[in-house]
Amino acid sequence: MTAYASEKPVLLLKKLGGLLLVIIGCILTATGVEYGAMALTAGGIVLLSIGLGLLVLKIIRRNHDMHR
């Protein structure tokens, strides 16, 4: 993946934040399923969804800028 000099540190934080939310969401979901904790599972799914949403939005924005 190519990094552009025009990217701001905020965009990098969004990428890393999204990735971190996906990882934490997976861990919480797996832990919740293992121990039968519905609240932990639901919280993990919410974090996983938010993280995936951030990453998908970043990809859509990047591809939209390339087609201009």
N, C-alpha and C. Protein backbone atom coordinates (compact mmCIF):
# COMPACT_ATOMS: atom_id res chain seq x y z
N MET A 1 0.85 -1.17 0.00
CA MET A 1 0.00 0.00 0.00
C MET A 1 0.90 1.23 0.00
N THR A 2 0.56 2.17 -0.82
CA THR A 2 1.36 3.37 -0.96
C THR A 2 0.84 4.46 -0.03
N ALA A 3 1.76 5.10 0.66
CA ALA A 3 1.40 6.23 1.52
C ALA A 3 1.71 7.51 0.76
N TYR A 4 0.80 8.43 0.79
CA TYR A 4 0.99 9.69 0.09
C TYR A 4 1.40 10.77 1.07
N ALA A 5 2.26 11.68 0.60
CA ALA A 5 2.74 12.76 1.46
C ALA A 5 1.62 13.73 1.81
N SER A 6 0.57 13.76 0.99
CA SER A 6 -0.51 14.70 1.24
C SER A 6 -1.46 14.23 2.34
N GLU A 7 -1.33 12.97 2.77
CA GLU A 7 -2.21 12.47 3.83
C GLU A 7 -1.86 13.14 5.14
N LYS A 8 -2.87 13.46 5.87
CA LYS A 8 -2.68 14.08 7.17
C LYS A 8 -2.58 13.01 8.23
N PRO A 9 -1.94 13.31 9.36
CA PRO A 9 -1.87 12.32 10.44
C PRO A 9 -3.24 11.88 10.94
N VAL A 10 -4.25 12.73 10.78
CA VAL A 10 -5.60 12.38 11.22
C VAL A 10 -6.12 11.17 10.45
N LEU A 11 -5.83 11.11 9.15
CA LEU A 11 -6.28 9.99 8.34
C LEU A 11 -5.58 8.70 8.77
N LEU A 12 -4.33 8.80 9.14
CA LEU A 12 -3.61 7.63 9.64
C LEU A 12 -4.22 7.17 10.95
N LEU A 13 -4.61 8.10 11.80
CA LEU A 13 -5.25 7.73 13.06
C LEU A 13 -6.59 7.04 12.82
N LYS A 14 -7.32 7.47 11.81
CA LYS A 14 -8.59 6.83 11.49
C LYS A 14 -8.37 5.39 11.02
N LYS A 15 -7.34 5.18 10.22
CA LYS A 15 -7.02 3.83 9.75
C LYS A 15 -6.63 2.94 10.92
N LEU A 16 -5.72 3.44 11.74
CA LEU A 16 -5.27 2.66 12.88
C LEU A 16 -6.38 2.45 13.90
N GLY A 17 -7.21 3.47 14.08
CA GLY A 17 -8.34 3.34 14.99
C GLY A 17 -9.33 2.30 14.51
N GLY A 18 -9.61 2.29 13.22
CA GLY A 18 -10.50 1.29 12.65
C GLY A 18 -9.95 -0.11 12.80
N LEU A 19 -8.66 -0.26 12.55
CA LEU A 19 -8.03 -1.57 12.69
C LEU A 19 -8.03 -2.03 14.14
N LEU A 20 -7.76 -1.12 15.05
CA LEU A 20 -7.76 -1.44 16.47
C LEU A 20 -9.15 -1.84 16.95
N LEU A 21 -10.18 -1.12 16.47
CA LEU A 21 -11.55 -1.48 16.84
C LEU A 21 -11.94 -2.85 16.31
N VAL A 22 -11.47 -3.19 15.12
CA VAL A 22 -11.75 -4.51 14.56
C VAL A 22 -11.10 -5.60 15.41
N ILE A 23 -9.86 -5.39 15.80
CA ILE A 23 -9.15 -6.39 16.61
C ILE A 23 -9.81 -6.55 17.98
N ILE A 24 -10.09 -5.44 18.64
CA ILE A 24 -10.73 -5.51 19.97
C ILE A 24 -12.12 -6.11 19.85
N GLY A 25 -12.85 -5.74 18.80
CA GLY A 25 -14.18 -6.29 18.59
C GLY A 25 -14.16 -7.80 18.40
N CYS A 26 -13.19 -8.30 17.65
CA CYS A 26 -13.05 -9.75 17.46
C CYS A 26 -12.74 -10.45 18.77
N ILE A 27 -11.84 -9.87 19.54
CA ILE A 27 -11.48 -10.48 20.83
C ILE A 27 -12.67 -10.50 21.78
N LEU A 28 -13.38 -9.38 21.88
CA LEU A 28 -14.54 -9.33 22.77
C LEU A 28 -15.66 -10.26 22.31
N THR A 29 -15.88 -10.33 21.02
CA THR A 29 -16.91 -11.23 20.51
C THR A 29 -16.57 -12.68 20.79
N ALA A 30 -15.34 -13.05 20.54
CA ALA A 30 -14.92 -14.44 20.80
C ALA A 30 -14.99 -14.77 22.28
N THR A 31 -14.59 -13.84 23.12
CA THR A 31 -14.65 -14.07 24.57
C THR A 31 -16.09 -14.17 25.04
N GLY A 32 -16.94 -13.32 24.53
CA GLY A 32 -18.35 -13.35 24.91
C GLY A 32 -19.03 -14.64 24.49
N VAL A 33 -18.71 -15.13 23.30
CA VAL A 33 -19.29 -16.38 22.83
C VAL A 33 -18.78 -17.55 23.67
N GLU A 34 -17.48 -17.52 23.97
CA GLU A 34 -16.89 -18.61 24.75
C GLU A 34 -17.51 -18.74 26.14
N TYR A 35 -17.72 -17.61 26.80
CA TYR A 35 -18.23 -17.63 28.17
C TYR A 35 -19.75 -17.42 28.25
N GLY A 36 -20.40 -17.27 27.13
CA GLY A 36 -21.84 -17.10 27.12
C GLY A 36 -22.32 -15.76 27.64
N ALA A 37 -21.49 -14.74 27.55
CA ALA A 37 -21.84 -13.40 28.01
C ALA A 37 -22.42 -12.61 26.84
N MET A 38 -23.73 -12.46 26.84
CA MET A 38 -24.40 -11.80 25.73
C MET A 38 -23.99 -10.33 25.61
N ALA A 39 -23.83 -9.64 26.72
CA ALA A 39 -23.46 -8.22 26.68
C ALA A 39 -22.06 -8.05 26.09
N LEU A 40 -21.15 -8.93 26.44
CA LEU A 40 -19.79 -8.87 25.92
C LEU A 40 -19.77 -9.17 24.42
N THR A 41 -20.58 -10.14 24.01
CA THR A 41 -20.69 -10.46 22.59
C THR A 41 -21.27 -9.29 21.81
N ALA A 42 -22.32 -8.69 22.33
CA ALA A 42 -22.95 -7.55 21.66
C ALA A 42 -21.99 -6.36 21.58
N GLY A 43 -21.27 -6.10 22.65
CA GLY A 43 -20.29 -5.02 22.63
C GLY A 43 -19.20 -5.26 21.61
N GLY A 44 -18.75 -6.50 21.52
CA GLY A 44 -17.73 -6.85 20.53
C GLY A 44 -18.23 -6.67 19.11
N ILE A 45 -19.48 -7.06 18.88
CA ILE A 45 -20.05 -6.91 17.54
C ILE A 45 -20.20 -5.43 17.18
N VAL A 46 -20.57 -4.62 18.15
CA VAL A 46 -20.70 -3.17 17.90
C VAL A 46 -19.33 -2.57 17.55
N LEU A 47 -18.30 -2.90 18.33
CA LEU A 47 -16.96 -2.38 18.04
C LEU A 47 -16.45 -2.88 16.69
N LEU A 48 -16.72 -4.14 16.40
CA LEU A 48 -16.32 -4.71 15.12
C LEU A 48 -17.01 -3.98 13.96
N SER A 49 -18.28 -3.69 14.11
CA SER A 49 -19.03 -2.99 13.07
C SER A 49 -18.51 -1.57 12.86
N ILE A 50 -18.23 -0.88 13.95
CA ILE A 50 -17.71 0.49 13.84
C ILE A 50 -16.34 0.49 13.16
N GLY A 51 -15.48 -0.42 13.56
CA GLY A 51 -14.15 -0.51 12.96
C GLY A 51 -14.21 -0.83 11.47
N LEU A 52 -15.05 -1.79 11.10
CA LEU A 52 -15.20 -2.12 9.68
C LEU A 52 -15.79 -0.95 8.91
N GLY A 53 -16.72 -0.24 9.53
CA GLY A 53 -17.31 0.93 8.88
C GLY A 53 -16.27 2.01 8.60
N LEU A 54 -15.40 2.26 9.55
CA LEU A 54 -14.34 3.26 9.34
C LEU A 54 -13.40 2.85 8.21
N LEU A 55 -13.03 1.59 8.18
CA LEU A 55 -12.13 1.12 7.13
C LEU A 55 -12.80 1.15 5.75
N VAL A 56 -14.06 0.77 5.68
CA VAL A 56 -14.78 0.80 4.41
C VAL A 56 -14.93 2.23 3.91
N LEU A 57 -15.26 3.16 4.81
CA LEU A 57 -15.39 4.56 4.40
C LEU A 57 -14.06 5.10 3.88
N LYS A 58 -12.97 4.71 4.50
CA LYS A 58 -11.65 5.16 4.05
C LYS A 58 -11.35 4.63 2.65
N ILE A 59 -11.69 3.37 2.41
CA ILE A 59 -11.45 2.78 1.09
C ILE A 59 -12.32 3.45 0.04
N ILE A 60 -13.57 3.71 0.36
CA ILE A 60 -14.48 4.36 -0.58
C ILE A 60 -13.98 5.76 -0.91
N ARG A 61 -13.55 6.51 0.10
CA ARG A 61 -13.03 7.87 -0.14
C ARG A 61 -11.78 7.83 -0.99
N ARG A 62 -10.89 6.88 -0.73
CA ARG A 62 -9.65 6.79 -1.50
C ARG A 62 -9.95 6.46 -2.95
N ASN A 63 -10.85 5.51 -3.19
CA ASN A 63 -11.18 5.14 -4.56
C ASN A 63 -11.95 6.23 -5.28
N HIS A 64 -12.76 6.97 -4.57
CA HIS A 64 -13.49 8.09 -5.18
C HIS A 64 -12.54 9.17 -5.65
N ASP A 65 -11.49 9.44 -4.85
CA ASP A 65 -10.51 10.46 -5.24
C ASP A 65 -9.68 10.03 -6.44
N MET A 66 -9.47 8.74 -6.62
CA MET A 66 -8.66 8.25 -7.72
C MET A 66 -9.39 8.38 -9.05
N HIS A 67 -10.70 8.37 -9.02
CA HIS A 67 -11.48 8.43 -10.26
C HIS A 67 -11.79 9.85 -10.71
N ARG A 68 -11.28 10.81 -10.05
CA ARG A 68 -11.53 12.20 -10.45
C ARG A 68 -10.61 12.63 -11.53
